[in-house]
C-alpha cells in the first residue's frame, strides 16, 4: 500500500468533495438515462456537463520568481434535458376576494388529476 496521495485525473475526479462529485456525476447520468427511457421518441440530446476549475495559489518568491504552493480545484455537475411539455390542458378560472380584501384569480383543474397522492 502506497503512502502517496493519488493524483487528480479522470479516474480520481469523482473523489473530489469526499466522493460527492462522483455521486453527483452518477446521479446526473442516471437521470439523463431515465429521461431517455421516459421519452424515447424525443430525439433531443440530454447533456451531462462536468466543469472543473483550477485556481493557482502562489507562495513567496523563490529566486525572484513566484512559486506554486497549491491549486484550488472546484468541480460542478450540470444536467440539461429537453423541456418538458405535454398536451394543452384547460383550467377553470375563478375570481374572488381574499380575506384581506385583495382581489385574487385562481386557476383550478376541471376534474381531479388521476395521479394525485391518495387518489388510488
Protein backbone atom coordinates (compact mmCIF):
# COMPACT_ATOMS: atom_id res chain seq x y z
CA UNK A 1 0.00 0.00 0.00
CA UNK A 2 1.38 3.38 -1.03
CA UNK A 3 1.52 6.35 1.35
CA UNK A 4 1.47 8.73 -1.61
CA UNK A 5 -1.82 10.54 -2.25
CA UNK A 6 -3.36 9.87 -5.68
CA UNK A 7 -3.04 12.48 -8.42
CA UNK A 8 -6.12 14.19 -9.82
CA UNK A 9 -7.02 12.69 -13.20
CA UNK A 10 -10.08 11.33 -14.99
CA UNK A 11 -10.07 8.24 -12.75
CA UNK A 12 -9.91 10.17 -9.45
CA UNK A 13 -12.11 13.16 -10.37
CA UNK A 14 -15.09 11.61 -8.57
CA UNK A 15 -13.15 11.62 -5.30
CA UNK A 16 -13.39 15.42 -5.02
CA UNK A 17 -15.57 16.64 -2.14
CA UNK A 18 -15.10 13.31 -0.37
CA UNK A 19 -16.75 11.46 -3.26
CA UNK A 20 -19.60 13.95 -3.59
CA UNK A 21 -18.67 14.84 -7.17
CA UNK A 22 -18.62 11.17 -8.17
CA UNK A 23 -22.08 10.77 -6.65
CA UNK A 24 -23.34 13.91 -8.47
CA UNK A 25 -21.94 12.62 -11.78
CA UNK A 26 -23.58 9.21 -11.29
CA UNK A 27 -26.93 10.81 -10.37
CA UNK A 28 -26.86 13.14 -13.40
CA UNK A 29 -26.09 10.23 -15.74
CA UNK A 30 -28.86 8.13 -14.18
CA UNK A 31 -31.35 10.99 -14.51
CA UNK A 32 -30.38 11.55 -18.17
CA UNK A 33 -30.83 7.83 -18.89
CA UNK A 34 -34.18 7.76 -17.06
CA UNK A 35 -35.36 10.73 -19.13
CA UNK A 36 -34.37 8.85 -22.31
CA UNK A 37 -36.40 5.87 -21.13
CA UNK A 38 -39.43 8.03 -20.24
CA UNK A 39 -39.37 9.95 -23.54
CA UNK A 40 -37.75 7.65 -26.14
CA UNK A 41 -39.34 9.39 -29.13
CA UNK A 42 -37.84 12.79 -28.19
CA UNK A 43 -34.67 12.95 -30.28
CA UNK A 44 -33.12 15.93 -28.43
CA UNK A 45 -29.88 15.35 -26.53
CA UNK A 46 -29.63 15.03 -22.78
CA UNK A 47 -26.33 16.55 -21.66
CA UNK A 48 -24.25 15.98 -18.53
CA UNK A 49 -21.64 18.71 -18.19
CA UNK A 50 -18.72 18.42 -15.77
CA UNK A 51 -16.76 21.63 -15.18
CA UNK A 52 -13.51 21.60 -13.25
CA UNK A 53 -11.99 24.99 -12.30
CA UNK A 54 -8.37 25.34 -11.22
CA UNK A 55 -7.09 28.37 -9.27
CA UNK A 56 -3.35 28.55 -8.60
CA UNK A 57 -2.21 29.74 -5.17
CA UNK A 58 1.21 31.37 -5.35
CA UNK A 59 3.66 31.20 -2.46
CA UNK A 60 6.51 33.57 -1.62
CA UNK A 61 9.05 34.42 -4.26
CA UNK A 62 11.64 31.78 -5.00
CA UNK A 63 14.78 33.31 -6.51
CA UNK A 64 12.78 36.23 -7.84
CA UNK A 65 10.05 34.09 -9.39
CA UNK A 66 6.68 33.32 -7.86
CA UNK A 67 6.31 29.67 -6.99
CA UNK A 68 3.23 27.50 -6.96
CA UNK A 69 2.13 26.48 -3.48
CA UNK A 70 -1.09 24.67 -4.26
CA UNK A 71 -4.08 24.66 -6.61
CA UNK A 72 -7.69 25.15 -5.60
CA UNK A 73 -9.96 22.79 -7.51
CA UNK A 74 -13.73 23.21 -7.78
CA UNK A 75 -15.95 20.82 -9.71
CA UNK A 76 -19.57 21.21 -10.78
CA UNK A 77 -22.00 18.85 -12.49
CA UNK A 78 -24.96 20.03 -14.56
CA UNK A 79 -27.68 18.07 -16.34
CA UNK A 80 -29.53 19.60 -19.29
CA UNK A 81 -32.67 17.92 -20.59
CA UNK A 82 -35.15 18.95 -23.28
CA UNK A 83 -38.04 20.99 -21.96
CA UNK A 84 -40.93 19.04 -20.52
CA UNK A 85 -44.16 19.65 -22.40
CA UNK A 86 -47.47 17.99 -22.86
CA UNK A 87 -50.82 18.49 -24.48
CA UNK A 88 -52.69 21.72 -23.82
CA UNK A 89 -54.99 21.47 -20.85
CA UNK A 90 -57.77 23.89 -19.99
CA UNK A 91 -58.25 25.04 -16.40
CA UNK A 92 -61.21 26.80 -14.84
CA UNK A 93 -60.60 30.39 -13.73
CA UNK A 94 -62.25 31.82 -10.64
CA UNK A 95 -62.04 35.40 -9.44
CA UNK A 96 -62.67 36.38 -5.88
CA UNK A 97 -61.54 38.41 -2.91
CA UNK A 98 -59.03 37.30 -0.26
CA UNK A 99 -59.60 37.66 3.50
CA UNK A 100 -57.67 40.93 3.35
CA UNK A 101 -59.92 42.33 0.64
CA UNK A 102 -57.38 41.87 -2.17
CA UNK A 103 -58.71 40.60 -5.49
CA UNK A 104 -57.45 37.09 -6.37
CA UNK A 105 -57.65 35.00 -9.51
CA UNK A 106 -57.23 31.23 -9.24
CA UNK A 107 -56.92 28.53 -11.89
CA UNK A 108 -58.30 25.12 -10.94
CA UNK A 109 -58.45 21.78 -12.69
CA UNK A 110 -61.80 20.99 -14.28
CA UNK A 111 -61.50 17.49 -12.79
CA UNK A 112 -59.21 15.96 -10.18
CA UNK A 113 -55.87 14.79 -11.61
CA UNK A 114 -55.64 10.99 -11.89
CA UNK A 115 -52.14 10.69 -10.44
CA UNK A 116 -52.80 12.68 -7.28
CA UNK A 117 -51.46 11.32 -3.96
CA UNK A 118 -54.18 9.30 -2.28
CA UNK A 119 -56.38 9.17 -5.40
CA UNK A 120 -55.99 5.44 -5.89
